[in-house]
Amino acid sequence: MKKGLKIIISGGGTGGHIFPAVAIANEIKAQRPNAEILFVGALGKMEMEKVPKAGYEIVGLPVAGFNRSNMLANVGFPVKLIKSLWKGMQVLRAFKPDIAIGVGGFASGPTLRMANILGIKTLIQEQNSYAGVTNKILSKKAEKVCVAYPNMDKFFSKEKIVFTGNPVRNDLINSSIKKEDAKAHFGLETDRKTLLIVGGSLGALSINKGIAYGLQNLLNNDLQIIWQTGKTFIDQAKEIANNLQTKRVYVSDFIYEMDQAYAAADLVVSRAGALSVSELSLVGKASILVPYPFAAEDHQTQNALSLTSQNAAFLVKDAEISDKLIDTIIELLENEAKLKSLSENIVKFAKPFAAKEIVEEILKITQK
């Protein structure tokens, strides 16, 4: 293996792209401590904060997504795309990577397209059960496509697919936290049924509103709650919890100790992003999935269906939150047998060594 391995990892936009990317980078460093890693993200997006916090350098492109629901919002799209392609070319020429890895998100398109033009080898990590347009295009020139779900040959060439799963944070893989200790960590009672609500790294307004509306009902049913709201709903959630004068609700805009949160939970309400599904599978948690209805190609619904078809999770549509969510939570938490069954079935989807397997593919490509 040549000493100075240089790797670019490109993508982001949400935690679902960023955290797997950082997990891949961490595994590269574990296997090749002297490797140089540079991230390429989108200016103004979450990765510009989270990646440096994880200890890696990142360059931002001015790229933005194509808005399919409001065509007028795309007026500046061509200019941003051209600028991003040019900046991506400059970054690649200056850094001279051995390989460029695309993890999905706005920045991965321009970066990997320019890598193809410059003859730099590429690998794609597709997190979802329904592949996005950008990854389908980029896969044609990629050496390998690492996927998290079976039957992805409807999107990619069969000979390029490697079924690795999605990389997740090491603290979840190696977690040995006791449920009682985890509940105490959030200031909650150790013997009371606990609900965890996560709307993804950016929060979920519809889920937050549904929980806010039904919070008193949940408390009346002897439950306690860990509620990750995202930044936009935190003030409202805190006010609602304070008005109820209860110590049975822990509210935070972002939970860094997700190993503790999962360990405390008897049931999880979550969006159905790829990272969320992978984490829930790994920790074996009974879950109610509420797919984000405006995700590209409705991929979150496809992610959720891959589990619900195997009785490994419950699905509540976003439009049905006000009618169904609170009742479904209460019914499930009263049904020990169903909670156990969901937990046993979802853990079958776990892929704890995903990051290691992806890095093995990266190293094979760079050794060619």
Protein backbone atom coordinates (compact mmCIF):
# COMPACT_ATOMS: atom_id res chain seq x y z
CA MET A 1 0.00 0.00 0.00
CA LYS A 2 1.52 3.31 -0.94
CA LYS A 3 2.07 5.54 2.05
CA GLY A 4 0.46 8.85 1.21
CA LEU A 5 -3.07 7.71 0.36
CA LYS A 6 -5.18 10.77 -0.46
CA ILE A 7 -8.96 10.55 -0.36
CA ILE A 8 -11.76 13.03 -1.06
CA ILE A 9 -15.19 12.41 0.48
CA SER A 10 -17.97 14.51 -1.01
CA GLY A 11 -21.61 15.08 -0.10
CA GLY A 12 -23.79 16.14 2.80
CA GLY A 13 -26.83 18.32 3.35
CA THR A 14 -28.30 16.29 6.22
CA GLY A 15 -27.02 14.08 9.02
CA GLY A 16 -28.07 11.09 6.90
CA HIS A 17 -25.22 11.88 4.51
CA ILE A 18 -22.71 13.43 6.92
CA PHE A 19 -22.55 10.87 9.72
CA PRO A 20 -21.92 7.89 7.38
CA ALA A 21 -19.25 9.98 5.60
CA VAL A 22 -17.50 10.71 8.91
CA ALA A 23 -17.79 7.02 9.89
CA ILE A 24 -16.04 6.09 6.61
CA ALA A 25 -13.31 8.69 7.26
CA ASN A 26 -12.78 7.40 10.80
CA GLU A 27 -12.44 3.82 9.53
CA ILE A 28 -9.95 4.93 6.84
CA LYS A 29 -7.89 6.58 9.59
CA ALA A 30 -8.13 3.44 11.74
CA GLN A 31 -6.79 1.29 8.89
CA ARG A 32 -4.45 3.87 7.30
CA PRO A 33 -3.45 6.43 9.99
CA ASN A 34 -1.28 8.40 7.55
CA ALA A 35 -4.04 8.82 4.92
CA GLU A 36 -4.96 12.40 4.00
CA ILE A 37 -8.71 13.02 3.86
CA LEU A 38 -10.44 16.11 2.49
CA PHE A 39 -14.20 16.63 2.57
CA VAL A 40 -16.07 18.60 -0.09
CA GLY A 41 -19.50 19.88 0.97
CA ALA A 42 -22.08 22.52 0.11
CA LEU A 43 -21.67 26.04 1.51
CA GLY A 44 -24.23 26.89 4.16
CA LYS A 45 -25.16 23.26 4.79
CA MET A 46 -24.82 21.20 7.94
CA GLU A 47 -21.55 19.52 6.92
CA MET A 48 -19.66 22.82 7.09
CA GLU A 49 -20.18 22.69 10.88
CA LYS A 50 -20.28 18.96 11.63
CA VAL A 51 -17.23 17.82 9.61
CA PRO A 52 -14.70 20.18 11.26
CA LYS A 53 -16.21 19.20 14.63
CA ALA A 54 -15.30 15.60 13.74
CA GLY A 55 -11.71 16.71 13.09
CA TYR A 56 -11.59 16.89 9.29
CA GLU A 57 -10.93 19.68 6.81
CA ILE A 58 -13.76 20.63 4.46
CA VAL A 59 -14.07 22.79 1.33
CA GLY A 60 -17.48 24.25 0.43
CA LEU A 61 -19.04 24.47 -3.05
CA PRO A 62 -21.77 27.03 -3.87
CA VAL A 63 -24.02 24.24 -5.20
CA ALA A 64 -27.74 24.03 -4.34
CA GLY A 65 -30.37 21.38 -4.98
CA PHE A 66 -32.82 21.49 -7.87
CA ASN A 67 -36.25 22.47 -6.57
CA ARG A 68 -38.83 20.24 -8.28
CA SER A 69 -41.83 21.75 -6.50
CA ASN A 70 -41.05 25.41 -7.28
CA MET A 71 -39.40 25.89 -10.66
CA LEU A 72 -38.97 29.65 -10.13
CA ALA A 73 -36.62 28.87 -7.23
CA ASN A 74 -34.17 27.36 -9.76
CA VAL A 75 -33.29 30.65 -11.49
CA GLY A 76 -29.78 30.69 -10.00
CA PHE A 77 -29.27 26.92 -10.27
CA PRO A 78 -27.24 26.84 -13.55
CA VAL A 79 -24.80 29.52 -12.36
CA LYS A 80 -24.27 27.78 -9.00
CA LEU A 81 -23.76 24.46 -10.76
CA ILE A 82 -21.15 25.86 -13.18
CA LYS A 83 -19.30 27.58 -10.31
CA SER A 84 -19.40 24.34 -8.30
CA LEU A 85 -18.06 22.26 -11.21
CA TRP A 86 -15.21 24.75 -11.65
CA LYS A 87 -14.41 24.86 -7.91
CA GLY A 88 -14.63 21.06 -7.73
CA MET A 89 -12.12 20.80 -10.60
CA GLN A 90 -9.75 23.19 -8.81
CA VAL A 91 -9.97 21.26 -5.54
CA LEU A 92 -9.31 17.93 -7.25
CA ARG A 93 -6.33 19.29 -9.20
CA ALA A 94 -4.79 20.83 -6.09
CA PHE A 95 -5.38 17.85 -3.75
CA LYS A 96 -4.68 15.07 -6.32
CA PRO A 97 -6.69 12.31 -4.61
CA ASP A 98 -6.24 8.60 -5.30
CA ILE A 99 -10.02 8.21 -5.13
CA ALA A 100 -13.14 10.37 -4.69
CA ILE A 101 -16.04 8.98 -2.66
CA GLY A 102 -19.60 10.26 -3.11
CA VAL A 103 -21.97 9.86 -0.17
CA GLY A 104 -24.98 11.67 -1.67
CA GLY A 105 -26.11 15.25 -1.17
CA PHE A 106 -25.65 18.38 -3.28
CA ALA A 107 -21.85 18.52 -3.43
CA SER A 108 -21.24 14.93 -4.51
CA GLY A 109 -22.55 15.54 -8.07
CA PRO A 110 -20.10 18.26 -9.20
CA THR A 111 -17.15 16.71 -7.34
CA LEU A 112 -17.52 13.20 -8.73
CA ARG A 113 -18.39 14.45 -12.22
CA MET A 114 -15.13 16.40 -12.31
CA ALA A 115 -13.27 13.40 -10.86
CA ASN A 116 -14.58 11.33 -13.80
CA ILE A 117 -13.34 13.93 -16.30
CA LEU A 118 -9.90 14.03 -14.63
CA GLY A 119 -9.64 10.23 -14.65
CA ILE A 120 -9.77 9.91 -10.85
CA LYS A 121 -11.35 6.68 -9.63
CA THR A 122 -14.66 6.99 -7.80
CA LEU A 123 -16.82 5.00 -5.39
CA ILE A 124 -20.43 5.74 -4.47
CA GLN A 125 -22.17 4.98 -1.21
CA GLU A 126 -25.95 4.87 -1.72
CA GLN A 127 -27.71 4.97 1.63
CA ASN A 128 -31.33 4.59 0.56
CA SER A 129 -33.48 1.78 -0.80
CA TYR A 130 -34.45 4.02 -3.73
CA ALA A 131 -31.45 5.52 -5.53
CA GLY A 132 -31.39 9.22 -6.36
CA VAL A 133 -30.95 10.56 -9.90
CA THR A 134 -27.42 11.93 -9.23
CA ASN A 135 -26.09 8.60 -7.95
CA LYS A 136 -27.66 6.70 -10.86
CA ILE A 137 -25.77 8.97 -13.29
CA LEU A 138 -22.50 8.92 -11.31
CA SER A 139 -22.58 5.13 -10.95
CA LYS A 140 -21.95 4.67 -14.68
CA LYS A 141 -18.32 5.78 -14.22
CA ALA A 142 -17.85 4.55 -10.63
CA GLU A 143 -15.67 1.54 -9.82
CA LYS A 144 -18.05 0.30 -7.12
CA VAL A 145 -21.42 1.22 -5.57
CA CYS A 146 -21.78 0.33 -1.89
CA VAL A 147 -25.47 -0.13 -1.03
CA ALA A 148 -27.49 -0.54 2.16
CA TYR A 149 -30.44 -2.53 0.81
CA PRO A 150 -30.83 -5.69 -1.28
CA ASN A 151 -32.25 -5.66 -4.84
CA MET A 152 -30.47 -2.46 -5.90
CA ASP A 153 -29.63 -3.86 -9.34
CA LYS A 154 -32.74 -2.08 -10.65
CA PHE A 155 -30.70 1.15 -10.24
CA PHE A 156 -27.07 0.10 -10.68
CA SER A 157 -25.01 -2.41 -12.70
CA LYS A 158 -25.07 -5.70 -10.81
CA GLU A 159 -21.30 -6.24 -11.11
CA LYS A 160 -20.58 -2.90 -9.39
CA ILE A 161 -22.84 -3.42 -6.36
CA VAL A 162 -21.41 -4.31 -2.95
CA PHE A 163 -24.00 -4.87 -0.19
CA THR A 164 -22.32 -3.26 2.81
CA GLY A 165 -25.09 -1.54 4.75
CA ASN A 166 -24.83 2.02 6.04
CA PRO A 167 -21.97 3.05 8.31
CA VAL A 168 -23.07 4.23 11.74
CA ARG A 169 -21.33 5.83 14.69
CA ASN A 170 -18.94 3.60 16.67
CA ASP A 171 -20.57 4.54 19.96
CA LEU A 172 -23.72 2.68 18.81
CA ILE A 173 -21.84 -0.42 17.66
CA ASN A 174 -19.91 -0.76 20.92
CA SER A 175 -22.61 0.45 23.29
CA SER A 176 -23.10 -1.47 26.55
CA ILE A 177 -25.20 1.15 28.34
CA LYS A 178 -27.85 -0.17 30.72
CA LYS A 179 -31.40 1.10 30.14
CA GLU A 180 -31.74 2.34 33.74
CA ASP A 181 -28.48 4.31 33.53
CA ALA A 182 -29.51 5.83 30.20
CA LYS A 183 -32.85 7.00 31.59
CA ALA A 184 -31.07 8.53 34.59
CA HIS A 185 -28.69 10.32 32.17
CA PHE A 186 -31.68 12.31 30.87
CA GLY A 187 -33.04 12.94 34.36
CA LEU A 188 -35.90 10.47 33.87
CA GLU A 189 -37.35 7.74 36.08
CA THR A 190 -35.62 4.38 35.67
CA ASP A 191 -38.74 2.19 35.81
CA ARG A 192 -41.13 4.12 33.52
CA LYS A 193 -41.83 3.34 29.81
CA THR A 194 -39.84 5.78 27.67
CA LEU A 195 -40.60 7.18 24.22
CA LEU A 196 -37.83 8.68 22.06
CA ILE A 197 -38.81 11.15 19.33
CA VAL A 198 -36.27 12.06 16.64
CA GLY A 199 -37.15 13.95 13.49
CA GLY A 200 -33.76 13.54 11.84
CA SER A 201 -30.79 15.87 12.25
CA LEU A 202 -32.81 18.92 11.13
CA GLY A 203 -35.95 18.13 13.12
CA ALA A 204 -39.43 17.42 11.71
CA LEU A 205 -42.13 20.07 12.05
CA SER A 206 -45.11 17.76 11.43
CA ILE A 207 -43.90 15.19 14.01
CA ASN A 208 -43.14 17.95 16.52
CA LYS A 209 -46.62 19.45 16.08
CA GLY A 210 -48.22 16.01 16.48
CA ILE A 211 -46.29 15.33 19.69
CA ALA A 212 -47.00 18.82 21.04
CA TYR A 213 -50.73 18.29 20.43
CA GLY A 214 -50.76 14.87 22.11
CA LEU A 215 -48.17 15.42 24.85
CA GLN A 216 -50.68 15.60 27.70
CA ASN A 217 -52.33 12.38 26.45
CA LEU A 218 -48.95 10.61 26.42
CA LEU A 219 -48.23 11.77 29.98
CA ASN A 220 -51.70 10.65 31.08
CA ASN A 221 -50.76 7.17 29.86
CA ASP A 222 -47.85 7.00 32.31
CA LEU A 223 -45.10 7.60 29.72
CA GLN A 224 -41.94 9.70 29.80
CA ILE A 225 -40.37 11.26 26.74
CA ILE A 226 -37.00 12.15 25.23
CA TRP A 227 -37.79 14.69 22.51
CA GLN A 228 -35.25 15.86 19.94
CA THR A 229 -36.93 18.78 18.20
CA GLY A 230 -34.36 20.34 15.85
CA LYS A 231 -33.54 24.05 16.10
CA THR A 232 -36.79 25.48 14.70
CA PHE A 233 -39.15 23.95 17.29
CA ILE A 234 -37.03 23.92 20.46
CA ASP A 235 -38.50 27.07 22.05
CA GLN A 236 -42.10 25.95 21.48
CA ALA A 237 -41.38 22.45 22.82
CA LYS A 238 -39.70 23.81 25.97
CA GLU A 239 -42.61 26.16 26.59
CA ILE A 240 -45.16 23.35 26.19
CA ALA A 241 -43.20 21.06 28.54
CA ASN A 242 -42.78 23.86 31.12
CA ASN A 243 -46.49 24.69 31.01
CA LEU A 244 -47.30 21.07 31.82
CA GLN A 245 -44.99 21.34 34.86
CA THR A 246 -43.59 17.85 34.39
CA LYS A 247 -40.15 16.31 34.83
CA ARG A 248 -41.14 13.45 32.54
CA VAL A 249 -40.17 15.25 29.31
CA TYR A 250 -36.55 15.82 28.29
CA VAL A 251 -36.37 18.34 25.41
CA SER A 252 -33.32 19.12 23.27
CA ASP A 253 -32.78 20.56 19.79
CA PHE A 254 -29.99 18.03 19.07
CA ILE A 255 -28.86 14.96 21.01
CA TYR A 256 -25.19 14.12 20.62
CA GLU A 257 -25.39 11.12 23.01
CA MET A 258 -27.63 9.03 20.76
CA ASP A 259 -26.22 5.85 22.30
CA GLN A 260 -27.78 6.95 25.61
CA ALA A 261 -31.06 8.02 23.94
CA TYR A 262 -31.52 4.70 22.14
CA ALA A 263 -30.59 2.73 25.26
CA ALA A 264 -33.25 4.58 27.29
CA ALA A 265 -36.03 4.08 24.75
CA ASP A 266 -38.72 1.40 24.74
CA LEU A 267 -40.14 2.83 21.50
CA VAL A 268 -38.81 5.31 18.93
CA VAL A 269 -40.71 7.67 16.64
CA SER A 270 -38.48 8.66 13.74
CA ARG A 271 -38.28 9.82 10.16
CA ALA A 272 -37.25 7.04 7.77
CA GLY A 273 -33.98 8.48 6.51
CA ALA A 274 -31.33 5.92 5.65
CA LEU A 275 -29.13 6.67 8.67
CA SER A 276 -32.08 6.54 11.09
CA VAL A 277 -33.19 3.16 9.73
CA SER A 278 -29.64 1.78 9.94
CA GLU A 279 -29.20 2.99 13.52
CA LEU A 280 -32.58 1.67 14.64
CA SER A 281 -31.72 -1.72 13.11
CA LEU A 282 -28.35 -1.82 14.83
CA VAL A 283 -29.73 -0.98 18.28
CA GLY A 284 -32.80 -3.21 17.73
CA LYS A 285 -35.45 -0.68 18.71
CA ALA A 286 -39.20 -1.03 18.17
CA SER A 287 -40.05 1.93 15.95
CA ILE A 288 -42.80 3.98 14.36
CA LEU A 289 -41.48 5.42 11.10
CA VAL A 290 -42.98 8.62 9.69
CA PRO A 291 -41.42 9.12 6.23
CA TYR A 292 -40.71 12.68 5.12
CA PRO A 293 -43.16 13.00 2.20
CA PHE A 294 -41.06 15.46 0.17
CA ALA A 295 -37.81 13.46 0.12
CA ALA A 296 -36.39 12.98 -3.38
CA GLU A 297 -38.19 10.16 -5.21
CA ASP A 298 -40.09 9.56 -1.93
CA HIS A 299 -37.15 7.41 -0.84
CA GLN A 300 -38.04 7.57 2.87
CA THR A 301 -41.32 5.75 2.22
CA GLN A 302 -39.37 3.08 0.32
CA ASN A 303 -36.93 2.79 3.25
CA ALA A 304 -39.83 2.37 5.68
CA LEU A 305 -41.63 -0.20 3.51
CA SER A 306 -38.52 -2.37 3.40
CA LEU A 307 -38.94 -2.78 7.17
CA THR A 308 -42.73 -2.80 7.52
CA SER A 309 -43.01 -5.53 4.87
CA GLN A 310 -41.01 -7.75 7.27
CA ASN A 311 -42.98 -6.70 10.39
CA ALA A 312 -39.88 -4.87 11.61
CA ALA A 313 -41.49 -1.43 12.15
CA PHE A 314 -44.79 0.47 12.07
CA LEU A 315 -45.45 3.11 9.41
CA VAL A 316 -47.54 6.23 9.99
CA LYS A 317 -47.86 8.54 6.98
CA ASP A 318 -47.03 12.20 7.52
CA ALA A 319 -50.59 13.16 6.53
CA GLU A 320 -51.96 10.78 9.19
CA ILE A 321 -49.95 12.13 12.15
CA SER A 322 -52.84 14.00 13.78
CA ASP A 323 -55.20 11.01 13.44
CA LYS A 324 -52.94 8.07 14.18
CA LEU A 325 -49.56 8.86 15.77
CA ILE A 326 -50.47 9.34 19.44
CA ASP A 327 -52.89 6.37 19.50
CA THR A 328 -50.32 4.12 17.79
CA ILE A 329 -47.65 5.11 20.34
CA ILE A 330 -49.93 4.34 23.29
CA GLU A 331 -51.16 1.03 21.82
CA LEU A 332 -47.62 -0.17 21.09
CA LEU A 333 -46.21 0.76 24.47
CA GLU A 334 -49.00 -1.22 26.13
CA ASN A 335 -48.20 -4.30 24.01
CA GLU A 336 -45.01 -5.96 25.31
CA ALA A 337 -45.24 -8.87 22.86
CA LYS A 338 -45.46 -6.53 19.86
CA LEU A 339 -42.53 -4.38 21.09
CA LYS A 340 -40.44 -7.54 21.48
CA SER A 341 -41.41 -8.81 18.02
CA LEU A 342 -40.57 -5.47 16.33
CA SER A 343 -37.23 -5.34 18.13
CA GLU A 344 -36.31 -8.91 17.12
CA ASN A 345 -37.29 -8.34 13.48
CA ILE A 346 -35.57 -4.97 12.94
CA VAL A 347 -32.23 -6.21 14.29
CA LYS A 348 -32.08 -8.65 11.35
CA PHE A 349 -31.42 -5.62 9.11
CA ALA A 350 -28.34 -4.56 11.10
CA LYS A 351 -24.95 -4.30 9.34
CA PRO A 352 -22.47 -3.41 12.11
CA PHE A 353 -19.34 -3.69 9.93
CA ALA A 354 -20.51 -1.45 7.08
CA ALA A 355 -17.72 1.16 7.43
CA LYS A 356 -15.05 -1.55 7.52
CA GLU A 357 -16.44 -3.24 4.39
CA ILE A 358 -16.68 0.08 2.50
CA VAL A 359 -13.08 0.95 3.37
CA GLU A 360 -11.97 -2.50 2.18
CA GLU A 361 -13.55 -1.70 -1.21
CA ILE A 362 -11.85 1.73 -1.25
CA LEU A 363 -8.45 0.17 -0.56
CA LYS A 364 -8.96 -2.51 -3.23
CA ILE A 365 -9.66 0.22 -5.81
CA THR A 366 -6.64 2.32 -4.83
CA GLN A 367 -4.37 -0.76 -4.96
CA LYS A 368 -5.32 -1.57 -8.56
